[in-house]
Amino acid sequence: MMNLFKRKPDPAGGNTPLPDTPADLFIHSRWLQVFDRFRGLLIRLGVNYPQFRLILGYKLYMDAVDPNFMTTLTNGRRRAGKNAFLRGLWIYALVSLLLTAVIVAMPGNPVLILGSALLYYSTMYMTVLVQAFSGSLLDVRDVAILDTRGVSERTRSAAQTAHILVYVLSLFAALMAIPIVGSFYSLGVLGGILFLVSALVLLVVNYVLSIGIYAVILRFFHGERLKNILSMIQIAILIISVALPQVVNIITQLSSRGAVAAVVKASGFHWYMAIVYPFWFAGPNGWLASGQANPGGILWLTSCLVTLLLGIQFLLRAPWLAGLLLVIAAVSLVFFGHTEKRQRDPLIAPTMFANRTFAIQIATAMILSGVLIGYQVYFPIWLQSLYRIGATEAGFVVTSSSVMWLTSSFFVGPLIARFVPKRISLVIITVLLLSYASLTLAGLHFPMWVFYVIAMINGTGMGIVISMNTILSQHMVPAAMVGSATSVLTLGRSLGQTVMTGVYGAVLNLVIRFTRGNIPFAQINGVISAKGSRVRPTLAMDQVILTSLHGVFWVVVIMLAVVWWINWRDPLHTVIDQNQAH
């Protein structure tokens, strides 16, 4: 990976090799070959790939022949045509080998050991790459040159980003590849995966942090002041590079006094923690080592959610695959429940669902969130495709609901203080059920103002019921589980919206396919997608779209009927005293 440049022999027979030519680099550069594999993606993102490749290739070539590039890594001794930085990565790999030995030898304190490895990587990133690429990041001289050659800003930015990523990824591989492998041996498969993910996230954080700092500098400084700021940054980096290695000595001294034990204990945030922010990314491994982790629960919950969402997506395109995925999701959910019952610190405490009222609140919030996403998506589609109004005017139907939601949520407290929550929910859900049922009978000339009335009813009802679900779900569990109850409610709402988005889309497309007759599907899709200017809608197309929208809102009506029945089964028949202790 590191041997990106092929040396040419000196035809004169001298001892000094000749540098590679750009043509040699374009043929033999392995990094360019890597980016070639992403050619299609870059083109879809609007990048002119031939120009991108040419710019990136010449940047790499100039790095190889520039005697001032990364000279600190080789003390000025370099071979012509050879990239000094990439040829010197073996030194960092050797240091990472020593870090790996420590990781393997001391698995008992992963926060300290893995955090030190991440801190060392971040230090090298800031002191080596950021210093070396200050000129590249802040040099805007190539903008005018490339603009006159017809190179777009997107292509130029992509080439500059790729140029920096070559060195960012190379340094990451040299410093972190061996420690990551060692973490799999020392901490197990799950611990190794956590450390791998944490290291990759830290890579992104460091990259974004450095780019953000330079973006701010470019925004406020220009010309000679820019050069002065750059010099000050390099001086600061030099000071940090001298000071940070002393952190290890300080930690060692504190460890002998027992002060490092606080590293693995939960504590409040202090300003000095920002200085050693890489230690934050070792936190997941510390949590895993603490014995409070629940890998089985995480595995089964992840399997359930992923297969469920994939199954919904494949409902129309591959029904058999969708069915298999949904079965796997159901099995994963069963195993997740069994795993949680045996855990001392479960992800989702099964004891919360022993309270039937709590379970009903979660189910109600989840189903109504699914109803909500149907209204938010398909009301504007109905108005745009059948009433031929603009997106802005159609969007007001969503705005009115949001305003009513916000207003009605202020009345939740007085309502549940005077009325039984079950009765409030049943009345509101009945009104919503009748409102949405009217849409299943709507014709092509259904009054448009009715949509806005239904939207206001929807916002008012949802604002009261879902806010009430939040209050009751927290009230029905012990005080220690209030946070978990809120998380479960949020998960249920998100899951309801995500799942029903796929279900509604599958129903809409399925009804269209069965009712479109000889009308091309692409034409109907063009009308639905508000591209009526390109597709001339006909009465037959409108009827197909109307029928498909009826199908969507029949699903909504069924869901409201189910949630009405669930709330009717609620055993709570008393007014809630909000001042009562949990």
Protein backbone atom coordinates (compact mmCIF):
# COMPACT_ATOMS: atom_id res chain seq x y z
CA MET A 1 0.00 0.00 0.00
CA MET A 2 2.82 2.33 0.78
CA ASN A 3 4.89 1.68 -2.37
CA LEU A 4 3.03 4.12 -4.59
CA PHE A 5 5.90 5.19 -6.76
CA LYS A 6 8.10 3.12 -8.99
CA ARG A 7 11.70 4.35 -9.26
CA LYS A 8 13.25 4.73 -12.69
CA PRO A 9 16.90 3.79 -13.14
CA ASP A 10 19.32 6.52 -14.04
CA PRO A 11 20.10 6.10 -17.76
CA ALA A 12 23.42 7.88 -17.27
CA GLY A 13 24.51 5.25 -14.77
CA GLY A 14 24.84 7.75 -11.93
CA ASN A 15 24.12 7.05 -8.29
CA THR A 16 21.23 9.49 -8.04
CA PRO A 17 18.01 7.99 -9.38
CA LEU A 18 15.80 10.08 -11.60
CA PRO A 19 12.35 11.03 -10.31
CA ASP A 20 9.31 9.29 -11.73
CA THR A 21 7.45 11.12 -14.44
CA PRO A 22 3.76 11.97 -14.03
CA ALA A 23 2.95 9.36 -16.67
CA ASP A 24 4.64 6.67 -14.54
CA LEU A 25 2.66 7.72 -11.51
CA PHE A 26 -0.68 7.65 -13.36
CA ILE A 27 0.05 4.05 -14.36
CA HIS A 28 1.57 2.65 -11.16
CA SER A 29 0.01 4.68 -8.33
CA ARG A 30 -1.94 2.28 -6.17
CA TRP A 31 -3.86 5.10 -4.57
CA LEU A 32 -5.15 6.21 -7.95
CA GLN A 33 -6.16 2.62 -8.59
CA VAL A 34 -8.09 2.65 -5.31
CA PHE A 35 -9.98 5.78 -6.31
CA ASP A 36 -10.66 4.23 -9.72
CA ARG A 37 -12.87 1.71 -7.93
CA PHE A 38 -15.06 4.59 -6.74
CA ARG A 39 -15.27 6.23 -10.14
CA GLY A 40 -19.01 5.60 -10.52
CA LEU A 41 -19.82 7.01 -7.08
CA LEU A 42 -17.76 10.15 -7.67
CA ILE A 43 -19.41 10.72 -11.04
CA ARG A 44 -22.87 10.38 -9.45
CA LEU A 45 -21.80 12.99 -6.88
CA GLY A 46 -21.11 15.46 -9.68
CA VAL A 47 -17.33 15.08 -9.89
CA ASN A 48 -15.60 15.19 -13.28
CA TYR A 49 -13.55 12.05 -12.74
CA PRO A 50 -10.88 12.52 -15.48
CA GLN A 51 -10.15 16.00 -14.11
CA PHE A 52 -10.24 14.67 -10.53
CA ARG A 53 -7.74 11.93 -11.36
CA LEU A 54 -5.43 14.33 -13.19
CA ILE A 55 -5.38 16.85 -10.33
CA LEU A 56 -4.88 14.20 -7.65
CA GLY A 57 -2.13 12.49 -9.65
CA TYR A 58 -0.17 15.70 -10.07
CA LYS A 59 -0.56 16.55 -6.38
CA LEU A 60 0.92 13.15 -5.46
CA TYR A 61 3.68 13.65 -8.03
CA MET A 62 4.60 17.06 -6.60
CA ASP A 63 4.72 15.51 -3.11
CA ALA A 64 7.24 12.97 -4.41
CA VAL A 65 9.58 15.44 -6.12
CA ASP A 66 9.20 18.43 -3.76
CA PRO A 67 12.36 18.47 -1.58
CA ASN A 68 10.56 20.48 1.11
CA PHE A 69 7.60 18.14 1.55
CA MET A 70 7.77 16.21 4.85
CA THR A 71 11.51 16.79 5.17
CA THR A 72 11.28 16.54 8.94
CA LEU A 73 10.50 12.85 8.59
CA THR A 74 13.73 12.02 6.80
CA ASN A 75 16.02 14.81 8.04
CA GLY A 76 16.22 16.04 4.47
CA ARG A 77 17.52 12.73 3.12
CA ARG A 78 15.17 11.40 0.50
CA ARG A 79 15.32 9.46 -2.71
CA ALA A 80 14.22 11.25 -5.83
CA GLY A 81 10.78 10.21 -6.93
CA LYS A 82 9.99 8.63 -3.57
CA ASN A 83 7.36 10.00 -1.22
CA ALA A 84 9.15 10.68 2.06
CA PHE A 85 6.06 10.37 4.20
CA LEU A 86 4.82 7.07 2.79
CA ARG A 87 8.31 5.57 2.90
CA GLY A 88 8.66 6.55 6.56
CA LEU A 89 5.45 4.96 7.80
CA TRP A 90 7.27 1.84 8.94
CA ILE A 91 8.64 3.90 11.85
CA TYR A 92 5.11 4.60 13.08
CA ALA A 93 4.17 0.97 12.54
CA LEU A 94 7.09 -0.04 14.75
CA VAL A 95 5.88 2.29 17.52
CA SER A 96 2.36 0.89 17.16
CA LEU A 97 3.83 -2.58 17.65
CA LEU A 98 5.08 -1.47 21.08
CA LEU A 99 1.62 -0.09 21.89
CA THR A 100 0.11 -3.41 20.85
CA ALA A 101 2.40 -5.25 23.27
CA VAL A 102 1.08 -3.07 26.10
CA ILE A 103 -2.54 -3.67 25.01
CA VAL A 104 -2.02 -7.42 25.02
CA ALA A 105 -0.12 -7.42 28.33
CA MET A 106 -2.58 -5.16 30.25
CA PRO A 107 -6.15 -6.01 29.20
CA GLY A 108 -7.51 -5.22 32.66
CA ASN A 109 -7.67 -1.43 32.14
CA PRO A 110 -8.87 -0.89 28.56
CA VAL A 111 -9.77 2.77 29.04
CA LEU A 112 -6.20 3.69 30.02
CA ILE A 113 -4.40 1.43 27.52
CA LEU A 114 -6.65 1.92 24.49
CA GLY A 115 -7.05 5.60 25.34
CA SER A 116 -3.28 6.02 25.34
CA ALA A 117 -3.07 4.40 21.89
CA LEU A 118 -5.79 6.70 20.58
CA LEU A 119 -4.10 9.70 22.19
CA TYR A 120 -0.81 8.80 20.53
CA TYR A 121 -2.53 8.50 17.14
CA SER A 122 -4.25 11.86 17.58
CA THR A 123 -0.99 13.48 18.63
CA MET A 124 0.78 12.17 15.55
CA TYR A 125 -2.12 13.27 13.37
CA MET A 126 -2.05 16.81 14.69
CA THR A 127 1.72 17.18 14.81
CA VAL A 128 2.61 15.45 11.53
CA LEU A 129 -0.26 15.67 9.10
CA VAL A 130 -1.82 18.96 10.11
CA GLN A 131 1.57 20.68 10.15
CA ALA A 132 2.58 19.17 6.82
CA PHE A 133 -0.74 19.96 5.16
CA SER A 134 -1.16 23.47 6.48
CA GLY A 135 0.07 24.79 3.19
CA SER A 136 -2.15 22.49 1.17
CA LEU A 137 -5.25 23.26 3.19
CA LEU A 138 -4.71 27.00 3.28
CA ASP A 139 -3.17 27.51 -0.15
CA VAL A 140 -5.84 28.86 -2.49
CA ARG A 141 -3.54 29.75 -5.38
CA ASP A 142 -4.66 26.76 -7.44
CA VAL A 143 -8.28 27.97 -7.39
CA ALA A 144 -7.75 30.68 -10.00
CA ILE A 145 -5.64 28.37 -12.18
CA LEU A 146 -8.14 25.51 -12.14
CA ASP A 147 -11.11 27.84 -12.65
CA THR A 148 -9.62 29.10 -15.90
CA ARG A 149 -9.33 25.45 -17.05
CA GLY A 150 -13.04 24.80 -16.56
CA VAL A 151 -12.65 22.74 -13.36
CA SER A 152 -15.72 22.95 -11.13
CA GLU A 153 -15.47 23.73 -7.45
CA ARG A 154 -16.86 20.29 -6.59
CA THR A 155 -14.19 18.51 -8.62
CA ARG A 156 -11.40 20.68 -7.20
CA SER A 157 -12.62 20.17 -3.61
CA ALA A 158 -12.93 16.43 -4.16
CA ALA A 159 -9.36 16.23 -5.45
CA GLN A 160 -8.02 18.24 -2.52
CA THR A 161 -9.95 16.09 -0.04
CA ALA A 162 -8.73 12.88 -1.69
CA HIS A 163 -5.15 14.18 -1.61
CA ILE A 164 -5.32 14.69 2.13
CA LEU A 165 -7.18 11.40 2.70
CA VAL A 166 -4.29 9.50 1.11
CA TYR A 167 -2.05 10.56 3.98
CA VAL A 168 -4.75 10.48 6.66
CA LEU A 169 -5.63 6.86 5.87
CA SER A 170 -1.98 5.85 5.47
CA LEU A 171 -1.08 7.26 8.89
CA PHE A 172 -4.14 5.62 10.43
CA ALA A 173 -3.21 2.23 8.96
CA ALA A 174 0.39 2.52 10.13
CA LEU A 175 -0.48 3.59 13.68
CA MET A 176 -3.72 1.74 14.40
CA ALA A 177 -3.83 -1.44 12.29
CA ILE A 178 -1.61 -3.51 14.60
CA PRO A 179 -3.20 -2.23 17.87
CA ILE A 180 -6.65 -3.03 16.48
CA VAL A 181 -5.55 -6.58 15.66
CA GLY A 182 -4.05 -6.85 19.15
CA SER A 183 -7.31 -5.70 20.72
CA PHE A 184 -9.12 -8.62 19.09
CA TYR A 185 -6.60 -10.98 20.71
CA SER A 186 -6.59 -9.27 24.10
CA LEU A 187 -10.20 -8.10 24.51
CA GLY A 188 -12.09 -10.63 22.42
CA VAL A 189 -14.09 -10.21 19.23
CA LEU A 190 -16.64 -7.77 20.65
CA GLY A 191 -13.96 -5.69 22.34
CA GLY A 192 -11.95 -5.59 19.11
CA ILE A 193 -14.99 -4.51 17.11
CA LEU A 194 -15.74 -1.73 19.59
CA PHE A 195 -12.15 -0.51 19.45
CA LEU A 196 -12.16 -0.64 15.64
CA VAL A 197 -15.35 1.42 15.44
CA SER A 198 -14.07 3.87 18.07
CA ALA A 199 -10.79 4.34 16.18
CA LEU A 200 -12.64 4.97 12.90
CA VAL A 201 -14.92 7.49 14.56
CA LEU A 202 -11.88 9.23 16.07
CA LEU A 203 -10.33 9.33 12.59
CA VAL A 204 -13.39 11.20 11.29
CA VAL A 205 -13.47 13.50 14.32
CA ASN A 206 -9.80 14.46 13.93
CA TYR A 207 -10.23 15.05 10.22
CA VAL A 208 -13.35 17.20 10.64
CA LEU A 209 -11.76 19.07 13.54
CA SER A 210 -8.67 19.98 11.53
CA ILE A 211 -10.69 20.96 8.46
CA GLY A 212 -13.01 23.07 10.62
CA ILE A 213 -10.12 24.92 12.24
CA TYR A 214 -8.62 25.78 8.88
CA ALA A 215 -12.01 26.78 7.46
CA VAL A 216 -12.37 29.31 10.27
CA ILE A 217 -8.85 30.59 9.64
CA LEU A 218 -9.53 30.99 5.90
CA ARG A 219 -12.77 32.80 6.70
CA PHE A 220 -11.18 35.51 8.84
CA PHE A 221 -7.55 35.79 7.67
CA HIS A 222 -5.97 36.50 4.29
CA GLY A 223 -2.62 37.39 2.77
CA GLU A 224 0.23 38.15 5.14
CA ARG A 225 -1.92 37.66 8.25
CA LEU A 226 -2.74 34.18 6.99
CA LYS A 227 0.96 33.34 6.84
CA ASN A 228 1.45 34.66 10.37
CA ILE A 229 -1.45 32.61 11.69
CA LEU A 230 -0.06 29.53 9.96
CA SER A 231 3.32 30.10 11.59
CA MET A 232 1.71 30.44 15.01
CA ILE A 233 -0.25 27.23 14.48
CA GLN A 234 2.92 25.36 13.59
CA ILE A 235 4.67 26.74 16.69
CA ALA A 236 1.70 25.67 18.85
CA ILE A 237 1.76 22.21 17.30
CA LEU A 238 5.47 21.94 18.01
CA ILE A 239 4.89 22.84 21.68
CA ILE A 240 2.05 20.32 21.94
CA SER A 241 4.16 17.61 20.33
CA VAL A 242 6.75 18.12 23.08
CA ALA A 243 4.22 18.32 25.93
CA LEU A 244 1.86 15.48 25.06
CA PRO A 245 4.42 12.65 25.37
CA GLN A 246 4.83 13.70 28.99
CA VAL A 247 1.20 12.73 29.62
CA VAL A 248 2.24 9.08 29.73
CA ASN A 249 4.83 9.80 32.45
CA ILE A 250 2.29 11.79 34.43
CA ILE A 251 -0.27 8.98 34.17
CA THR A 252 2.33 6.47 35.31
CA GLN A 253 3.16 8.54 38.37
CA LEU A 254 -0.50 9.03 39.21
CA SER A 255 -1.12 5.33 38.72
CA SER A 256 1.45 4.51 41.41
CA ARG A 257 -0.55 6.69 43.79
CA GLY A 258 -3.87 5.10 42.85
CA ALA A 259 -5.18 8.25 41.17
CA VAL A 260 -5.83 6.65 37.79
CA ALA A 261 -8.62 4.49 39.17
CA ALA A 262 -10.93 7.45 38.55
CA VAL A 263 -10.37 7.05 34.81
CA VAL A 264 -12.64 4.02 34.67
CA LYS A 265 -15.27 5.50 37.00
CA ALA A 266 -18.17 7.68 35.94
CA SER A 267 -17.59 11.33 36.79
CA GLY A 268 -18.80 14.73 35.76
CA PHE A 269 -17.28 16.61 32.86
CA HIS A 270 -14.34 18.90 33.57
CA TRP A 271 -12.70 21.28 31.14
CA TYR A 272 -9.36 19.49 31.19
CA MET A 273 -10.98 16.34 29.81
CA ALA A 274 -11.17 18.07 26.43
CA ILE A 275 -7.38 18.02 26.22
CA VAL A 276 -7.31 14.23 26.23
CA TYR A 277 -10.51 13.77 24.21
CA PRO A 278 -9.21 10.55 22.54
CA PHE A 279 -9.76 8.81 25.89
CA TRP A 280 -13.48 9.37 25.40
CA PHE A 281 -13.44 6.92 22.51
CA ALA A 282 -12.09 4.16 24.74
CA GLY A 283 -15.23 4.48 26.88
CA PRO A 284 -17.22 1.72 25.09
CA ASN A 285 -14.45 -0.78 25.86
CA GLY A 286 -14.42 0.33 29.49
CA TRP A 287 -18.19 -0.15 29.62
CA LEU A 288 -17.78 -3.62 28.14
CA ALA A 289 -15.07 -4.53 30.66
CA SER A 290 -17.14 -3.23 33.59
CA GLY A 291 -19.49 -6.20 33.35
CA GLN A 292 -22.51 -3.94 32.79
CA ALA A 293 -22.48 -4.56 29.06
CA ASN A 294 -25.09 -6.75 27.46
CA PRO A 295 -23.58 -8.06 24.21
CA GLY A 296 -26.28 -10.67 23.74
CA GLY A 297 -29.02 -8.11 24.08
CA ILE A 298 -27.25 -5.72 21.72
CA LEU A 299 -26.81 -8.49 19.15
CA TRP A 300 -30.42 -9.67 19.20
CA LEU A 301 -31.86 -6.15 19.29
CA THR A 302 -29.68 -5.09 16.36
CA SER A 303 -30.64 -8.24 14.45
CA CYS A 304 -34.31 -7.59 15.11
CA LEU A 305 -34.27 -3.94 14.02
CA VAL A 306 -32.06 -4.44 10.96
CA THR A 307 -33.97 -7.44 9.59
CA LEU A 308 -37.29 -5.74 10.33
CA LEU A 309 -36.35 -2.62 8.38
CA LEU A 310 -34.84 -4.61 5.51
CA GLY A 311 -37.92 -6.83 5.37
CA ILE A 312 -40.17 -3.79 5.04
CA GLN A 313 -38.00 -2.44 2.23
CA PHE A 314 -38.21 -5.73 0.29
CA LEU A 315 -41.97 -6.20 0.71
CA LEU A 316 -42.73 -5.24 -2.87
CA ARG A 317 -39.55 -6.16 -4.72
CA ALA A 318 -38.90 -9.58 -3.15
CA PRO A 319 -41.85 -10.80 -1.04
CA TRP A 320 -40.25 -14.15 -0.18
CA LEU A 321 -37.07 -12.47 1.03
CA ALA A 322 -39.14 -9.95 2.95
CA GLY A 323 -41.05 -12.75 4.65
CA LEU A 324 -37.83 -14.51 5.61
CA LEU A 325 -36.38 -11.30 7.05
CA LEU A 326 -39.53 -10.60 9.03
CA VAL A 327 -39.43 -14.14 10.47
CA ILE A 328 -35.80 -13.58 11.48
CA ALA A 329 -36.84 -10.29 13.10
CA ALA A 330 -39.55 -12.05 15.10
CA VAL A 331 -37.16 -14.80 16.21
CA SER A 332 -34.54 -12.20 17.17
CA LEU A 333 -37.15 -10.36 19.23
CA VAL A 334 -38.01 -13.57 21.11
CA PHE A 335 -34.35 -14.28 21.85
CA PHE A 336 -33.86 -10.64 22.86
CA GLY A 337 -36.67 -10.98 25.41
CA HIS A 338 -35.19 -14.18 26.86
CA THR A 339 -31.73 -12.58 27.03
CA GLU A 340 -33.00 -9.46 28.80
CA LYS A 341 -34.77 -11.52 31.47
CA ARG A 342 -31.45 -13.08 32.50
CA GLN A 343 -29.48 -9.82 32.55
CA ARG A 344 -28.68 -7.96 35.75
CA ASP A 345 -28.61 -4.64 33.85
CA PRO A 346 -30.82 -5.14 30.75
CA LEU A 347 -31.05 -2.73 27.86
CA ILE A 348 -34.83 -2.69 28.13
CA ALA A 349 -36.05 -3.91 31.51
CA PRO A 350 -38.84 -6.48 30.99
CA THR A 351 -40.26 -5.50 34.37
CA MET A 352 -41.47 -2.22 32.86
CA PHE A 353 -43.79 -4.10 30.52
CA ALA A 354 -45.28 -6.03 33.44
CA ASN A 355 -47.37 -2.89 33.93
CA ARG A 356 -50.06 -3.20 31.26
CA THR A 357 -50.79 0.51 31.18
CA PHE A 358 -47.12 1.23 30.44
CA ALA A 359 -47.10 -1.27 27.56
CA ILE A 360 -50.27 0.30 26.16
CA GLN A 361 -48.70 3.77 26.22
CA ILE A 362 -45.68 2.52 24.25
CA ALA A 363 -47.88 0.70 21.72
CA THR A 364 -50.15 3.75 21.33
CA ALA A 365 -47.23 6.12 20.74
CA MET A 366 -45.68 3.72 18.22
CA ILE A 367 -48.87 3.21 16.20
CA LEU A 368 -49.88 6.88 16.24
CA SER A 369 -46.39 7.84 15.08
CA GLY A 370 -46.95 5.50 12.13
CA VAL A 371 -50.27 7.25 11.46
CA LEU A 372 -48.50 10.60 11.70
CA ILE A 373 -45.90 9.77 9.04
CA GLY A 374 -48.70 8.70 6.68
CA TYR A 375 -50.38 12.07 7.04
CA GLN A 376 -47.11 14.01 6.71
CA VAL A 377 -46.12 12.26 3.50
CA TYR A 378 -49.36 11.49 1.69
CA PHE A 379 -51.44 14.60 2.37
CA PRO A 380 -49.00 16.76 0.34
CA ILE A 381 -48.77 14.03 -2.34
CA TRP A 382 -52.57 13.95 -2.62
CA LEU A 383 -52.82 17.72 -2.96
CA GLN A 384 -49.95 18.04 -5.44
CA SER A 385 -50.79 15.11 -7.71
CA LEU A 386 -54.61 15.43 -7.84
CA TYR A 387 -55.23 19.11 -7.11
CA ARG A 388 -52.16 20.35 -9.06
CA ILE A 389 -51.11 22.82 -6.39
CA GLY A 390 -47.53 23.80 -5.64
CA ALA A 391 -45.32 22.23 -3.04
CA THR A 392 -45.41 25.34 -0.82
CA GLU A 393 -49.20 25.49 -0.72
CA ALA A 394 -49.44 21.74 -0.13
CA GLY A 395 -46.87 22.00 2.65
CA PHE A 396 -49.13 24.32 4.65
CA VAL A 397 -51.27 21.30 5.49
CA VAL A 398 -48.36 19.95 7.54
CA THR A 399 -47.66 23.34 9.12
CA SER A 400 -51.19 23.73 10.48
CA SER A 401 -50.96 20.35 12.21
CA SER A 402 -47.64 21.25 13.84
CA VAL A 403 -49.07 24.50 15.21
CA MET A 404 -52.10 22.72 16.66
CA TRP A 405 -49.85 20.00 18.15
CA LEU A 406 -47.81 22.62 19.99
CA THR A 407 -50.91 24.43 21.22
CA SER A 408 -52.82 21.36 22.39
CA SER A 409 -49.86 19.90 24.30
CA PHE A 410 -50.26 22.70 26.87
CA PHE A 411 -53.68 21.31 27.85
CA VAL A 412 -52.46 17.79 28.65
CA GLY A 413 -51.73 18.51 32.32
CA PRO A 414 -55.19 19.95 33.15
CA LEU A 415 -56.91 17.20 31.15
CA ILE A 416 -55.31 14.23 32.88
CA ALA A 417 -55.83 15.95 36.23
CA ARG A 418 -59.61 15.91 35.66
CA PHE A 419 -60.28 12.95 33.37
CA VAL A 420 -59.22 9.32 33.17
CA PRO A 421 -56.46 9.08 30.49
CA LYS A 422 -58.12 6.04 28.91
CA ARG A 423 -61.29 8.02 28.16
CA ILE A 424 -59.34 10.95 26.74
CA SER A 425 -57.50 8.63 24.38
CA LEU A 426 -60.65 6.80 23.26
CA VAL A 427 -62.49 10.03 22.44
CA ILE A 428 -59.58 11.50 20.48
CA ILE A 429 -58.80 8.27 18.62
CA THR A 430 -62.49 7.96 17.66
CA VAL A 431 -62.45 11.47 16.17
CA LEU A 432 -59.22 10.67 14.28
CA LEU A 433 -60.69 7.39 13.04
CA LEU A 434 -63.78 9.10 11.62
CA SER A 435 -61.67 11.87 10.05
CA TYR A 436 -59.32 9.48 8.25
CA ALA A 437 -62.21 7.17 7.28
CA SER A 438 -63.67 10.04 5.25
CA LEU A 439 -60.52 10.00 3.10
CA THR A 440 -61.11 6.38 2.10
CA LEU A 441 -64.39 7.51 0.46
CA ALA A 442 -63.08 10.76 -1.02
CA GLY A 443 -63.49 11.32 -4.76
CA LEU A 444 -61.57 13.40 -7.23
CA HIS A 445 -63.62 16.48 -6.31
CA PHE A 446 -63.30 16.10 -2.55
CA PRO A 447 -63.18 19.64 -1.03
CA MET A 448 -59.58 20.66 -0.52
CA TRP A 449 -60.33 22.62 2.66
CA VAL A 450 -61.30 19.35 4.36
CA PHE A 451 -57.64 18.26 4.25
CA TYR A 452 -56.67 21.29 6.31
CA VAL A 453 -59.45 20.61 8.81
CA ILE A 454 -58.34 16.98 9.16
CA ALA A 455 -54.76 18.22 9.58
CA MET A 456 -55.81 20.49 12.43
CA ILE A 457 -57.76 17.66 14.08
CA ASN A 458 -54.76 15.38 13.60
CA GLY A 459 -52.34 17.86 15.18
CA THR A 460 -54.64 18.56 18.12
CA GLY A 461 -55.33 14.90 18.83
CA MET A 462 -51.74 13.71 18.37
CA GLY A 463 -50.42 16.54 20.54
CA ILE A 464 -52.66 15.49 23.43
CA VAL A 465 -52.40 11.71 23.17
CA ILE A 466 -48.67 11.37 22.50
CA SER A 467 -47.81 13.95 25.16
CA MET A 468 -50.05 11.99 27.54
CA ASN A 469 -48.24 8.77 26.52
CA THR A 470 -44.95 10.38 27.55
CA ILE A 471 -46.25 11.46 30.95
CA LEU A 472 -47.94 8.14 31.72
CA SER A 473 -45.00 6.00 30.59
CA GLN A 474 -42.77 7.89 33.04
CA HIS A 475 -45.38 7.79 35.79
CA MET A 476 -45.94 4.03 35.59
CA VAL A 477 -42.34 2.98 36.29
CA PRO A 478 -40.08 3.38 39.33
CA ALA A 479 -38.07 6.59 39.52
CA ALA A 480 -34.87 4.72 38.66
CA MET A 481 -36.39 3.58 35.36
CA VAL A 482 -37.77 6.91 34.14
CA GLY A 483 -34.83 7.39 31.75
CA SER A 484 -35.24 3.88 30.35
CA ALA A 485 -38.98 4.40 29.94
CA THR A 486 -38.41 7.60 27.97
CA SER A 487 -35.85 5.83 25.77
CA VAL A 488 -38.27 2.98 25.05
CA LEU A 489 -41.00 5.46 24.13
CA THR A 490 -38.63 7.30 21.78
CA LEU A 491 -37.56 4.01 20.22
CA GLY A 492 -41.20 3.01 19.72
CA ARG A 493 -42.06 6.30 18.02
CA SER A 494 -39.04 6.16 15.73
CA LEU A 495 -39.70 2.53 14.89
CA GLY A 496 -43.36 3.24 14.12
CA GLN A 497 -42.48 6.00 11.67
CA THR A 498 -39.68 4.06 10.00
CA VAL A 499 -41.62 0.82 9.56
CA MET A 500 -44.80 2.47 8.36
CA THR A 501 -42.92 4.58 5.82
CA GLY A 502 -41.97 1.35 4.08
CA VAL A 503 -45.42 -0.19 4.51
CA TYR A 504 -47.22 2.83 3.03
CA GLY A 505 -44.84 2.91 0.07
CA ALA A 506 -45.36 -0.81 -0.56
CA VAL A 507 -49.17 -0.45 -0.39
CA LEU A 508 -49.16 2.57 -2.72
CA ASN A 509 -47.02 0.84 -5.33
CA LEU A 510 -48.89 -2.45 -5.03
CA VAL A 511 -52.30 -0.82 -5.61
CA ILE A 512 -50.92 1.15 -8.55
CA ARG A 513 -49.55 -2.00 -10.19
CA PHE A 514 -52.90 -3.80 -9.86
CA THR A 515 -55.07 -0.91 -11.06
CA ARG A 516 -52.99 0.93 -13.67
CA GLY A 517 -54.04 -1.28 -16.60
CA ASN A 518 -52.10 -0.25 -19.72
CA ILE A 519 -50.85 3.02 -18.27
CA PRO A 520 -47.02 2.98 -17.90
CA PHE A 521 -45.95 3.00 -14.29
CA ALA A 522 -43.35 5.69 -15.04
CA GLN A 523 -46.07 8.13 -16.15
CA ILE A 524 -48.08 7.64 -12.98
CA ASN A 525 -44.93 8.03 -10.93
CA GLY A 526 -44.18 11.25 -12.79
CA VAL A 527 -47.55 12.70 -11.79
CA ILE A 528 -47.15 11.60 -8.15
CA SER A 529 -43.63 13.04 -8.05
CA ALA A 530 -44.99 16.49 -8.95
CA LYS A 531 -43.51 16.30 -12.44
CA GLY A 532 -46.79 17.05 -14.12
CA SER A 533 -45.09 19.50 -16.45
CA ARG A 534 -43.36 16.57 -18.11
CA VAL A 535 -46.28 14.13 -17.90
CA ARG A 536 -49.75 15.20 -18.95
CA PRO A 537 -52.11 13.67 -16.41
CA THR A 538 -55.31 12.03 -17.58
CA LEU A 539 -58.53 11.11 -15.78
CA ALA A 540 -57.49 7.45 -15.78
CA MET A 541 -54.15 8.32 -14.15
CA ASP A 542 -55.92 10.41 -11.51
CA GLN A 543 -58.27 7.53 -10.74
CA VAL A 544 -55.36 5.12 -10.29
CA ILE A 545 -53.58 7.56 -7.97
CA LEU A 546 -56.77 8.17 -5.99
CA THR A 547 -57.32 4.43 -5.53
CA SER A 548 -53.75 3.94 -4.35
CA LEU A 549 -54.14 6.78 -1.83
CA HIS A 550 -57.35 5.15 -0.64
CA GLY A 551 -55.28 2.02 0.01
CA VAL A 552 -52.77 3.99 2.07
CA PHE A 553 -55.44 5.55 4.27
CA TRP A 554 -57.28 2.26 4.67
CA VAL A 555 -54.10 1.09 6.38
CA VAL A 556 -54.24 4.22 8.56
CA VAL A 557 -57.86 3.50 9.50
CA ILE A 558 -57.02 -0.09 10.43
CA MET A 559 -54.14 1.11 12.62
CA LEU A 560 -56.41 3.59 14.40
CA ALA A 561 -58.97 0.84 14.99
CA VAL A 562 -56.23 -1.33 16.52
CA VAL A 563 -54.99 1.43 18.79
CA TRP A 564 -58.58 2.19 19.86
CA TRP A 565 -59.02 -1.45 20.90
CA ILE A 566 -55.68 -1.44 22.74
CA ASN A 567 -56.66 1.63 24.77
CA TRP A 568 -60.09 0.18 25.50
CA ARG A 569 -58.25 -2.72 27.18
CA ASP A 570 -56.31 -0.35 29.45
CA PRO A 571 -56.94 -1.38 33.08
CA LEU A 572 -56.33 2.14 34.43
CA HIS A 573 -59.69 3.64 35.46
CA THR A 574 -58.58 6.45 37.76
CA VAL A 575 -57.36 10.00 37.37
CA ILE A 576 -53.57 10.38 37.52
CA ASP A 577 -52.15 12.30 40.46
CA GLN A 578 -49.04 13.91 38.91
CA ASN A 579 -47.73 14.87 42.35
CA GLN A 580 -47.76 11.26 43.52
CA ALA A 581 -44.30 9.71 43.94
CA HIS A 582 -43.24 6.90 41.64
